[in-house]
């Protein structure tokens, strides 16, 4: 499984950014795709994830601000991030999970700063 993420960049507080991640390779029909993030000095943490059956869950710190979606036909997951805060600054990693195996994208930097 290969993951290709795109998006991210620099945005001012209160702004919006979108991330996308496409999975390719031999994919199982049931899977979970999502996003994690990592900041220095902290462990990687879940941001949001969605099953291939469209069940979603979010970390409390992004509820009401971030929206995850996916297109199963394209094996792609999206993350729309609104009302970004400086504390959202992190490297965001796409994650694909199937049959208990995890695969990671290359990471994309999101910087929220004025």
Protein backbone atom coordinates (compact mmCIF):
# COMPACT_ATOMS: atom_id res chain seq x y z
CA UNK A 1 0.00 0.00 0.00
CA UNK A 2 1.30 3.43 -0.93
CA UNK A 3 -0.09 6.71 0.32
CA UNK A 4 0.29 10.03 -1.45
CA UNK A 5 -0.70 13.05 0.60
CA UNK A 6 -1.05 16.62 -0.55
CA UNK A 7 -2.10 19.93 0.87
CA UNK A 8 -0.92 21.73 3.94
CA UNK A 9 1.13 24.90 4.11
CA UNK A 10 1.02 28.17 5.96
CA UNK A 11 -2.22 29.81 7.05
CA UNK A 12 -3.20 32.56 9.45
CA UNK A 13 -5.17 31.78 12.61
CA UNK A 14 -8.83 31.40 11.78
CA UNK A 15 -8.05 30.32 8.24
CA UNK A 16 -8.69 27.07 6.41
CA UNK A 17 -6.65 24.39 4.72
CA UNK A 18 -7.42 21.09 3.08
CA UNK A 19 -5.45 17.87 2.97
CA UNK A 20 -5.96 14.88 0.74
CA UNK A 21 -4.44 11.43 0.67
CA UNK A 22 -4.77 8.78 -2.00
CA UNK A 23 -4.09 5.12 -1.34
CA UNK A 24 -2.89 2.77 -4.04
CA UNK A 25 -1.83 -0.82 -4.29
CA UNK A 26 -3.65 -3.94 -3.21
CA UNK A 27 -6.37 -2.60 -0.94
CA UNK A 28 -8.83 -4.49 1.20
CA UNK A 29 -12.45 -3.53 0.80
CA UNK A 30 -12.84 -2.75 4.49
CA UNK A 31 -10.31 -0.22 5.73
CA UNK A 32 -9.90 2.88 7.81
CA UNK A 33 -8.28 6.01 6.49
CA UNK A 34 -7.48 9.03 8.53
CA UNK A 35 -5.09 11.65 9.74
CA UNK A 36 -2.72 11.86 12.66
CA UNK A 37 -0.44 14.68 13.64
CA UNK A 38 2.84 15.10 15.40
CA UNK A 39 4.40 18.06 17.12
CA UNK A 40 7.86 18.07 18.74
CA UNK A 41 7.79 16.79 22.28
CA UNK A 42 4.44 15.09 21.87
CA UNK A 43 3.35 11.69 20.69
CA UNK A 44 1.62 11.29 17.38
CA UNK A 45 -2.10 11.77 17.95
CA UNK A 46 -5.25 10.95 16.09
CA UNK A 47 -6.96 13.86 14.36
CA UNK A 48 -9.79 12.13 12.51
CA UNK A 49 -10.49 8.86 10.75
CA UNK A 50 -13.22 7.29 8.69
CA UNK A 51 -14.01 3.70 7.82
CA UNK A 52 -14.82 2.56 4.31
CA UNK A 53 -18.39 2.38 5.61
CA UNK A 54 -18.22 6.12 6.38
CA UNK A 55 -18.16 5.83 10.14
CA UNK A 56 -16.11 8.71 11.44
CA UNK A 57 -14.52 9.82 14.65
CA UNK A 58 -12.65 12.93 15.65
CA UNK A 59 -10.30 13.99 18.35
CA UNK A 60 -12.04 16.30 20.78
CA UNK A 61 -9.71 19.15 19.95
CA UNK A 62 -10.90 19.32 16.32
CA UNK A 63 -14.61 18.61 16.71
CA UNK A 64 -16.64 21.30 15.00
CA UNK A 65 -13.61 22.65 13.14
CA UNK A 66 -12.30 19.78 10.98
CA UNK A 67 -14.27 17.60 8.60
CA UNK A 68 -13.11 14.27 7.26
CA UNK A 69 -14.54 12.74 4.11
CA UNK A 70 -13.58 10.08 1.63
CA UNK A 71 -14.20 8.90 -1.88
CA UNK A 72 -14.03 5.14 -1.94
CA UNK A 73 -13.99 5.01 -5.73
CA UNK A 74 -10.75 7.02 -5.63
CA UNK A 75 -9.41 5.46 -2.41
CA UNK A 76 -8.90 8.99 -1.19
CA UNK A 77 -9.50 10.64 2.16
CA UNK A 78 -9.82 14.37 2.70
CA UNK A 79 -9.50 16.62 5.70
CA UNK A 80 -11.03 20.08 5.64
CA UNK A 81 -9.61 22.18 8.43
CA UNK A 82 -11.44 25.37 9.39
CA UNK A 83 -10.87 27.92 12.11
CA UNK A 84 -7.28 26.80 12.44
CA UNK A 85 -5.41 27.69 15.61
CA UNK A 86 -1.68 28.07 16.24
CA UNK A 87 -1.80 24.88 18.29
CA UNK A 88 -2.87 23.00 15.16
CA UNK A 89 0.63 23.53 13.81
CA UNK A 90 2.06 20.07 13.23
CA UNK A 91 3.14 17.53 10.67
CA UNK A 92 0.03 15.72 9.53
CA UNK A 93 0.29 12.09 8.51
CA UNK A 94 -2.15 10.16 6.42
CA UNK A 95 -2.92 6.71 7.79
CA UNK A 96 -4.37 3.64 6.12
CA UNK A 97 -5.32 0.64 8.22
CA UNK A 98 -6.55 -2.74 7.10
CA UNK A 99 -6.57 -6.11 8.83
CA UNK A 100 -4.65 -4.57 11.70
CA UNK A 101 -1.82 -3.31 9.52
CA UNK A 102 -1.00 0.39 9.44
CA UNK A 103 0.53 2.31 6.58
CA UNK A 104 1.70 5.91 6.74
CA UNK A 105 2.04 8.74 4.26
CA UNK A 106 5.10 10.96 4.10
CA UNK A 107 3.71 13.73 6.31
CA UNK A 108 2.76 17.25 5.35
CA UNK A 109 3.47 20.34 7.41
CA UNK A 110 0.64 22.61 8.50
CA UNK A 111 1.72 25.90 10.02
CA UNK A 112 -0.80 28.24 11.61
CA UNK A 113 0.80 31.58 12.28
CA UNK A 114 0.22 35.27 11.80
